[in-house]
């Protein structure tokens, strides 16, 4: 792998999506870690939340 900055873009992980059996429990878990709650989206049977670690 080249160390030339032109050939090595700065890549960052932006979003990770995974399913859980209990969204409220997962939300509580991440809030207890100190993560910021951003949004709660509900669309029919789908519910998704977005949490952001504060140390980023």
PDB file of N, CA and C in Angstrom:
ATOM      1  N   UNK A   1       0.836  -1.176   0.000  1.00  0.00           N
ATOM      2  CA  UNK A   1       0.000   0.000   0.000  1.00  0.00           C
ATOM      3  C   UNK A   1       0.878   1.235   0.000  1.00  0.00           C
ATOM      4  N   UNK A   2       0.562   2.166  -0.832  1.00  0.00           N
ATOM      5  CA  UNK A   2       1.356   3.383  -0.970  1.00  0.00           C
ATOM      6  C   UNK A   2       1.091   4.346   0.182  1.00  0.00           C
ATOM      7  N   UNK A   3       2.134   5.064   0.610  1.00  0.00           N
ATOM      8  CA  UNK A   3       1.968   6.074   1.651  1.00  0.00           C
ATOM      9  C   UNK A   3       1.715   7.452   1.043  1.00  0.00           C
ATOM     10  N   UNK A   4       1.618   7.538  -0.272  1.00  0.00           N
ATOM     11  CA  UNK A   4       1.348   8.781  -0.973  1.00  0.00           C
ATOM     12  C   UNK A   4      -0.071   9.251  -0.628  1.00  0.00           C
ATOM     13  N   UNK A   5      -0.233  10.480  -0.060  1.00  0.00           N
ATOM     14  CA  UNK A   5      -1.554  10.944   0.339  1.00  0.00           C
ATOM     15  C   UNK A   5      -2.541  11.044  -0.816  1.00  0.00           C
ATOM     16  N   UNK A   6      -2.059  11.220  -2.027  1.00  0.00           N
ATOM     17  CA  UNK A   6      -2.955  11.288  -3.187  1.00  0.00           C
ATOM     18  C   UNK A   6      -3.617   9.933  -3.409  1.00  0.00           C
ATOM     19  N   UNK A   7      -2.912   8.850  -3.134  1.00  0.00           N
ATOM     20  CA  UNK A   7      -3.438   7.511  -3.344  1.00  0.00           C
ATOM     21  C   UNK A   7      -4.108   6.935  -2.097  1.00  0.00           C
ATOM     22  N   UNK A   8      -4.057   7.639  -0.966  1.00  0.00           N
ATOM     23  CA  UNK A   8      -4.619   7.147   0.282  1.00  0.00           C
ATOM     24  C   UNK A   8      -5.667   8.127   0.817  1.00  0.00           C
ATOM     25  N   UNK A   9      -6.927   7.961   0.385  1.00  0.00           N
ATOM     26  CA  UNK A   9      -7.954   8.903   0.855  1.00  0.00           C
ATOM     27  C   UNK A   9      -8.220   8.736   2.347  1.00  0.00           C
ATOM     28  N   UNK A  10      -8.636   9.820   2.980  1.00  0.00           N
ATOM     29  CA  UNK A  10      -8.998   9.799   4.390  1.00  0.00           C
ATOM     30  C   UNK A  10     -10.401   9.220   4.494  1.00  0.00           C
ATOM     31  N   UNK A  11     -10.518   8.003   4.979  1.00  0.00           N
ATOM     32  CA  UNK A  11     -11.810   7.335   5.057  1.00  0.00           C
ATOM     33  C   UNK A  11     -12.252   7.239   6.514  1.00  0.00           C
ATOM     34  N   UNK A  12     -13.550   7.504   6.760  1.00  0.00           N
ATOM     35  CA  UNK A  12     -14.108   7.435   8.099  1.00  0.00           C
ATOM     36  C   UNK A  12     -15.384   6.610   8.073  1.00  0.00           C
ATOM     37  N   UNK A  13     -15.615   5.887   9.133  1.00  0.00           N
ATOM     38  CA  UNK A  13     -16.852   5.139   9.288  1.00  0.00           C
ATOM     39  C   UNK A  13     -17.937   6.117   9.715  1.00  0.00           C
ATOM     40  N   UNK A  14     -19.032   6.202   8.962  1.00  0.00           N
ATOM     41  CA  UNK A  14     -20.079   7.176   9.248  1.00  0.00           C
ATOM     42  C   UNK A  14     -21.294   6.569   9.942  1.00  0.00           C
ATOM     43  N   UNK A  15     -21.775   5.422   9.465  1.00  0.00           N
ATOM     44  CA  UNK A  15     -23.010   4.847   9.987  1.00  0.00           C
ATOM     45  C   UNK A  15     -22.891   3.336  10.050  1.00  0.00           C
ATOM     46  N   UNK A  16     -23.389   2.766  11.132  1.00  0.00           N
ATOM     47  CA  UNK A  16     -23.497   1.317  11.260  1.00  0.00           C
ATOM     48  C   UNK A  16     -24.945   1.016  11.615  1.00  0.00           C
ATOM     49  N   UNK A  17     -25.587   0.144  10.833  1.00  0.00           N
ATOM     50  CA  UNK A  17     -26.983  -0.218  11.069  1.00  0.00           C
ATOM     51  C   UNK A  17     -27.025  -1.686  11.457  1.00  0.00           C
ATOM     52  N   UNK A  18     -27.699  -1.983  12.556  1.00  0.00           N
ATOM     53  CA  UNK A  18     -27.886  -3.372  12.945  1.00  0.00           C
ATOM     54  C   UNK A  18     -29.228  -3.515  13.634  1.00  0.00           C
ATOM     55  N   UNK A  19     -29.799  -4.703  13.552  1.00  0.00           N
ATOM     56  CA  UNK A  19     -31.110  -4.930  14.142  1.00  0.00           C
ATOM     57  C   UNK A  19     -30.973  -5.409  15.584  1.00  0.00           C
ATOM     58  N   UNK A  20     -31.954  -5.040  16.395  1.00  0.00           N
ATOM     59  CA  UNK A  20     -32.014  -5.452  17.797  1.00  0.00           C
ATOM     60  C   UNK A  20     -33.434  -5.910  18.091  1.00  0.00           C
ATOM     61  N   UNK A  21     -33.599  -6.707  19.133  1.00  0.00           N
ATOM     62  CA  UNK A  21     -34.932  -7.192  19.481  1.00  0.00           C
ATOM     63  C   UNK A  21     -35.713  -6.181  20.314  1.00  0.00           C
ATOM     64  N   UNK A  22     -35.025  -5.250  20.972  1.00  0.00           N
ATOM     65  CA  UNK A  22     -35.689  -4.252  21.821  1.00  0.00           C
ATOM     66  C   UNK A  22     -34.999  -2.900  21.621  1.00  0.00           C
ATOM     67  N   UNK A  23     -35.628  -2.038  20.832  1.00  0.00           N
ATOM     68  CA  UNK A  23     -35.024  -0.743  20.491  1.00  0.00           C
ATOM     69  C   UNK A  23     -34.858   0.133  21.733  1.00  0.00           C
ATOM     70  N   UNK A  24     -35.860   0.145  22.608  1.00  0.00           N
ATOM     71  CA  UNK A  24     -35.761   0.983  23.808  1.00  0.00           C
ATOM     72  C   UNK A  24     -34.623   0.531  24.720  1.00  0.00           C
ATOM     73  N   UNK A  25     -34.425  -0.772  24.810  1.00  0.00           N
ATOM     74  CA  UNK A  25     -33.326  -1.290  25.627  1.00  0.00           C
ATOM     75  C   UNK A  25     -31.972  -0.906  25.013  1.00  0.00           C
ATOM     76  N   UNK A  26     -31.860  -1.009  23.694  1.00  0.00           N
ATOM     77  CA  UNK A  26     -30.620  -0.625  23.021  1.00  0.00           C
ATOM     78  C   UNK A  26     -30.356   0.870  23.188  1.00  0.00           C
ATOM     79  N   UNK A  27     -31.408   1.680  23.062  1.00  0.00           N
ATOM     80  CA  UNK A  27     -31.264   3.129  23.246  1.00  0.00           C
ATOM     81  C   UNK A  27     -30.768   3.439  24.652  1.00  0.00           C
ATOM     82  N   UNK A  28     -31.360   2.808  25.637  1.00  0.00           N
ATOM     83  CA  UNK A  28     -30.945   3.014  27.027  1.00  0.00           C
ATOM     84  C   UNK A  28     -29.487   2.607  27.244  1.00  0.00           C
ATOM     85  N   UNK A  29     -29.089   1.480  26.648  1.00  0.00           N
ATOM     86  CA  UNK A  29     -27.712   0.996  26.760  1.00  0.00           C
ATOM     87  C   UNK A  29     -26.723   2.051  26.258  1.00  0.00           C
ATOM     88  N   UNK A  30     -26.975   2.593  25.058  1.00  0.00           N
ATOM     89  CA  UNK A  30     -26.047   3.557  24.484  1.00  0.00           C
ATOM     90  C   UNK A  30     -26.099   4.903  25.211  1.00  0.00           C
ATOM     91  N   UNK A  31     -27.271   5.295  25.714  1.00  0.00           N
ATOM     92  CA  UNK A  31     -27.344   6.515  26.515  1.00  0.00           C
ATOM     93  C   UNK A  31     -26.519   6.359  27.791  1.00  0.00           C
ATOM     94  N   UNK A  32     -26.542   5.172  28.393  1.00  0.00           N
ATOM     95  CA  UNK A  32     -25.741   4.919  29.596  1.00  0.00           C
ATOM     96  C   UNK A  32     -24.241   4.934  29.308  1.00  0.00           C
ATOM     97  N   UNK A  33     -23.858   4.707  28.056  1.00  0.00           N
ATOM     98  CA  UNK A  33     -22.448   4.827  27.669  1.00  0.00           C
ATOM     99  C   UNK A  33     -22.047   6.284  27.446  1.00  0.00           C
ATOM    100  N   UNK A  34     -23.035   7.180  27.469  1.00  0.00           N
ATOM    101  CA  UNK A  34     -22.754   8.590  27.259  1.00  0.00           C
ATOM    102  C   UNK A  34     -22.948   9.051  25.830  1.00  0.00           C
ATOM    103  N   UNK A  35     -23.546   8.199  24.992  1.00  0.00           N
ATOM    104  CA  UNK A  35     -23.770   8.571  23.606  1.00  0.00           C
ATOM    105  C   UNK A  35     -24.941   9.537  23.518  1.00  0.00           C
ATOM    106  N   UNK A  36     -24.890  10.420  22.517  1.00  0.00           N
ATOM    107  CA  UNK A  36     -25.954  11.402  22.287  1.00  0.00           C
ATOM    108  C   UNK A  36     -27.066  10.773  21.452  1.00  0.00           C
ATOM    109  N   UNK A  37     -28.305  10.955  21.880  1.00  0.00           N
ATOM    110  CA  UNK A  37     -29.460  10.511  21.113  1.00  0.00           C
ATOM    111  C   UNK A  37     -29.757  11.570  20.058  1.00  0.00           C
ATOM    112  N   UNK A  38     -29.839  11.162  18.784  1.00  0.00           N
ATOM    113  CA  UNK A  38     -30.043  12.109  17.693  1.00  0.00           C
ATOM    114  C   UNK A  38     -31.464  12.100  17.143  1.00  0.00           C
ATOM    115  N   UNK A  39     -31.986  10.912  16.809  1.00  0.00           N
ATOM    116  CA  UNK A  39     -33.288  10.861  16.145  1.00  0.00           C
ATOM    117  C   UNK A  39     -33.927   9.491  16.343  1.00  0.00           C
ATOM    118  N   UNK A  40     -35.238   9.481  16.339  1.00  0.00           N
ATOM    119  CA  UNK A  40     -36.035   8.255  16.437  1.00  0.00           C
ATOM    120  C   UNK A  40     -37.012   8.280  15.262  1.00  0.00           C
ATOM    121  N   UNK A  41     -36.909   7.329  14.362  1.00  0.00           N
ATOM    122  CA  UNK A  41     -37.723   7.284  13.153  1.00  0.00           C
ATOM    123  C   UNK A  41     -38.612   6.053  13.194  1.00  0.00           C
ATOM    124  N   UNK A  42     -39.904   6.253  12.934  1.00  0.00           N
ATOM    125  CA  UNK A  42     -40.850   5.143  12.858  1.00  0.00           C
ATOM    126  C   UNK A  42     -41.547   5.216  11.512  1.00  0.00           C
ATOM    127  N   UNK A  43     -41.570   4.075  10.809  1.00  0.00           N
ATOM    128  CA  UNK A  43     -42.251   3.981   9.521  1.00  0.00           C
ATOM    129  C   UNK A  43     -42.886   2.604   9.430  1.00  0.00           C
ATOM    130  N   UNK A  44     -44.171   2.505   9.735  1.00  0.00           N
ATOM    131  CA  UNK A  44     -44.845   1.211   9.745  1.00  0.00           C
ATOM    132  C   UNK A  44     -44.271   0.324  10.834  1.00  0.00           C
ATOM    133  N   UNK A  45     -43.779  -0.855  10.447  1.00  0.00           N
ATOM    134  CA  UNK A  45     -43.183  -1.790  11.398  1.00  0.00           C
ATOM    135  C   UNK A  45     -41.715  -1.483  11.687  1.00  0.00           C
ATOM    136  N   UNK A  46     -41.151  -0.521  10.964  1.00  0.00           N
ATOM    137  CA  UNK A  46     -39.736  -0.184  11.138  1.00  0.00           C
ATOM    138  C   UNK A  46     -39.584   0.917  12.178  1.00  0.00           C
ATOM    139  N   UNK A  47     -38.625   0.751  13.052  1.00  0.00           N
ATOM    140  CA  UNK A  47     -38.233   1.816  13.981  1.00  0.00           C
ATOM    141  C   UNK A  47     -36.719   1.858  14.028  1.00  0.00           C
ATOM    142  N   UNK A  48     -36.172   3.025  13.839  1.00  0.00           N
ATOM    143  CA  UNK A  48     -34.724   3.184  13.896  1.00  0.00           C
ATOM    144  C   UNK A  48     -34.356   4.383  14.743  1.00  0.00           C
ATOM    145  N   UNK A  49     -33.287   4.247  15.476  1.00  0.00           N
ATOM    146  CA  UNK A  49     -32.763   5.370  16.245  1.00  0.00           C
ATOM    147  C   UNK A  49     -31.337   5.628  15.799  1.00  0.00           C
ATOM    148  N   UNK A  50     -30.900   6.845  15.987  1.00  0.00           N
ATOM    149  CA  UNK A  50     -29.514   7.202  15.689  1.00  0.00           C
ATOM    150  C   UNK A  50     -28.882   7.721  16.955  1.00  0.00           C
ATOM    151  N   UNK A  51     -27.743   7.115  17.312  1.00  0.00           N
ATOM    152  CA  UNK A  51     -26.968   7.519  18.483  1.00  0.00           C
ATOM    153  C   UNK A  51     -25.571   7.892  18.004  1.00  0.00           C
ATOM    154  N   UNK A  52     -24.980   8.900  18.644  1.00  0.00           N
ATOM    155  CA  UNK A  52     -23.637   9.344  18.259  1.00  0.00           C
ATOM    156  C   UNK A  52     -22.736   9.371  19.487  1.00  0.00           C
ATOM    157  N   UNK A  53     -21.581   8.701  19.398  1.00  0.00           N
ATOM    158  CA  UNK A  53     -20.632   8.790  20.512  1.00  0.00           C
ATOM    159  C   UNK A  53     -20.120  10.219  20.638  1.00  0.00           C
ATOM    160  N   UNK A  54     -19.978  10.711  21.848  1.00  0.00           N
ATOM    161  CA  UNK A  54     -19.595  12.106  22.046  1.00  0.00           C
ATOM    162  C   UNK A  54     -18.097  12.341  21.913  1.00  0.00           C
ATOM    163  N   UNK A  55     -17.305  11.299  21.885  1.00  0.00           N
ATOM    164  CA  UNK A  55     -15.860  11.481  21.787  1.00  0.00           C
ATOM    165  C   UNK A  55     -15.355  11.534  20.357  1.00  0.00           C
ATOM    166  N   UNK A  56     -16.254  11.649  19.376  1.00  0.00           N
ATOM    167  CA  UNK A  56     -15.817  11.740  17.978  1.00  0.00           C
ATOM    168  C   UNK A  56     -15.729  13.169  17.526  1.00  0.00           C
TER     169      UNK A  56
END
